[in-house]
Protein backbone atom coordinates (compact mmCIF):
# COMPACT_ATOMS: atom_id res chain seq x y z
CA MET A 1 20.99 0.15 -1.05
CA ILE A 2 19.15 2.86 -2.74
CA GLY A 3 17.30 0.38 -5.20
CA SER A 4 16.11 -1.49 -2.47
CA TRP A 5 14.36 1.50 -1.25
CA LEU A 6 13.10 1.84 -4.38
CA ALA A 7 11.96 -1.46 -4.64
CA LEU A 8 9.83 -1.03 -1.56
CA VAL A 9 8.25 2.49 -2.52
CA VAL A 10 7.06 0.36 -5.85
CA ALA A 11 5.79 -2.54 -3.85
CA ILE A 12 3.66 -0.66 -1.59
CA SER A 13 2.29 1.91 -4.42
CA THR A 14 1.86 -1.47 -6.54
CA SER A 15 -0.06 -2.99 -3.53
CA VAL A 16 -2.02 0.34 -3.19
CA ALA A 17 -2.88 0.43 -6.80
CA GLY A 18 -4.17 -3.12 -6.28
CA GLN A 19 -6.26 -2.54 -3.18
CA ALA A 20 -7.91 0.47 -4.94
CA LEU A 21 -9.05 -1.97 -8.08
CA LEU A 22 -10.35 -4.57 -5.83
CA LYS A 23 -12.31 -1.97 -4.12
CA GLY A 24 -13.52 -0.77 -7.45
CA GLY A 25 -14.41 -4.28 -8.24
CA ALA A 26 -16.43 -4.75 -5.01
CA GLY A 27 -19.52 -3.01 -6.64
CA ALA A 28 -20.28 -5.92 -9.08
CA GLY A 29 -23.25 -7.74 -8.48
CA SER A 30 -22.77 -11.18 -7.01
CA ILE A 31 -19.29 -12.51 -5.77
CA PHE A 32 -18.90 -14.44 -8.97
CA GLU A 33 -19.25 -11.15 -11.15
CA GLN A 34 -16.81 -9.57 -8.80
CA LEU A 35 -14.18 -12.14 -9.16
CA PHE A 36 -14.55 -12.03 -12.89
CA ASP A 37 -14.72 -8.21 -13.07
CA ARG A 38 -11.42 -6.81 -14.96
CA ARG A 39 -10.64 -4.34 -12.13
CA THR A 40 -10.39 -7.43 -9.63
CA ILE A 41 -8.33 -9.44 -11.72
CA ILE A 42 -5.85 -6.72 -12.62
CA GLY A 43 -5.68 -5.60 -8.60
CA LEU A 44 -4.72 -9.28 -7.88
CA CYS A 45 -2.00 -9.29 -10.80
CA LEU A 46 -0.62 -5.80 -9.12
CA TYR A 47 -0.66 -7.83 -5.43
CA GLY A 48 1.33 -10.39 -7.01
CA GLY A 49 3.62 -7.73 -8.88
CA ALA A 50 4.04 -5.99 -5.47
CA ALA A 51 5.48 -9.14 -4.10
CA LEU A 52 7.69 -9.59 -6.28
CA PHE A 53 8.88 -5.74 -5.71
CA TYR A 54 8.78 -6.69 -1.95
CA ILE A 55 11.25 -9.71 -2.19
CA VAL A 56 13.73 -7.28 -4.18
CA ALA A 57 13.36 -4.81 -1.39
CA LEU A 58 13.88 -7.52 1.26
CA ARG A 59 17.27 -8.62 -0.03
CA LYS A 60 19.06 -5.90 1.54
CA ILE A 61 16.08 -4.15 3.89
CA PRO A 62 15.92 -6.35 7.05
CA VAL A 63 12.03 -7.28 7.56
CA SER A 64 11.74 -5.29 10.76
CA VAL A 65 11.93 -2.43 8.90
CA ALA A 66 10.51 -3.25 5.57
CA LEU A 67 7.49 -4.71 6.93
CA PRO A 68 6.52 -1.66 9.01
CA CYS A 69 7.25 0.58 6.05
CA THR A 70 4.27 -0.87 4.39
CA ALA A 71 2.03 1.03 6.78
CA ALA A 72 2.51 4.06 4.39
CA SER A 73 -0.04 2.20 2.13
CA TYR A 74 -2.85 3.29 4.95
CA ILE A 75 -1.84 6.89 4.35
CA ALA A 76 -2.42 5.93 0.59
CA GLY A 77 -5.51 3.94 0.86
CA ALA A 78 -6.90 6.78 3.02
CA ALA A 79 -6.62 9.53 0.47
CA ILE A 80 -7.58 7.15 -2.22
CA GLY A 81 -10.56 6.24 -0.25
CA HIS A 82 -11.32 9.68 0.27
CA PHE A 83 -10.47 11.13 -3.08
CA VAL A 84 -11.64 8.63 -5.31
CA PHE A 85 -14.51 6.65 -3.31
CA GLY A 86 -15.80 9.81 -1.57
CA GLU A 87 -15.24 8.27 1.92
CA VAL A 88 -15.12 10.89 4.81
CA LEU A 89 -11.74 11.70 6.83
CA THR A 90 -12.62 12.78 10.30
CA PRO A 91 -9.97 14.71 12.28
CA LEU A 92 -9.43 12.08 14.12
CA HIS A 93 -8.71 9.76 11.25
CA LEU A 94 -6.31 12.67 10.01
CA ALA A 95 -4.24 12.49 13.39
CA ALA A 96 -4.08 8.64 13.43
CA LEU A 97 -2.90 8.88 9.44
CA GLY A 98 0.10 11.77 10.75
CA VAL A 99 1.13 9.59 13.49
CA ILE A 100 1.41 6.60 11.19
CA LEU A 101 3.40 8.73 9.09
CA ALA A 102 5.67 10.04 11.69
CA GLY A 103 6.36 6.28 12.90
CA VAL A 104 7.13 5.41 9.21
CA ALA A 105 9.32 8.36 8.85
CA MET A 106 11.23 7.85 11.87
CA LEU A 107 11.87 4.12 11.27
CA ALA A 108 13.12 4.83 7.82
CA PHE A 109 15.31 7.50 8.63
CA ALA A 110 17.02 5.66 11.30
CA SER A 111 17.44 2.33 9.23
CA ALA A 112 19.01 4.36 6.63
CA GLY A 113 21.43 5.89 8.69
CA ALA A 114 22.33 2.70 10.42
């Protein structure tokens, strides 16, 4: 079961990395240039890899647990947006991210003990 949780963590991490690369490629001049930007291509490949790890995780983790746990990507995405892309995180943003983190942690711990 620990391997399934590890696969889920890798799926979430890989997905977040792909999203960051897609954001990086979004600065291209036209949609055509963005589509063929190496960051976009690598980001899409990472999304595919994330899907494969997610499938592995779903072999042992119920989708009713695994899917809500992917909300952890919102926290990582906000951190990347702030530290890499200079996006502002207000106290309200931080409070909302705290609620998401608490929910994901409660769900993961509750299902790990079951």
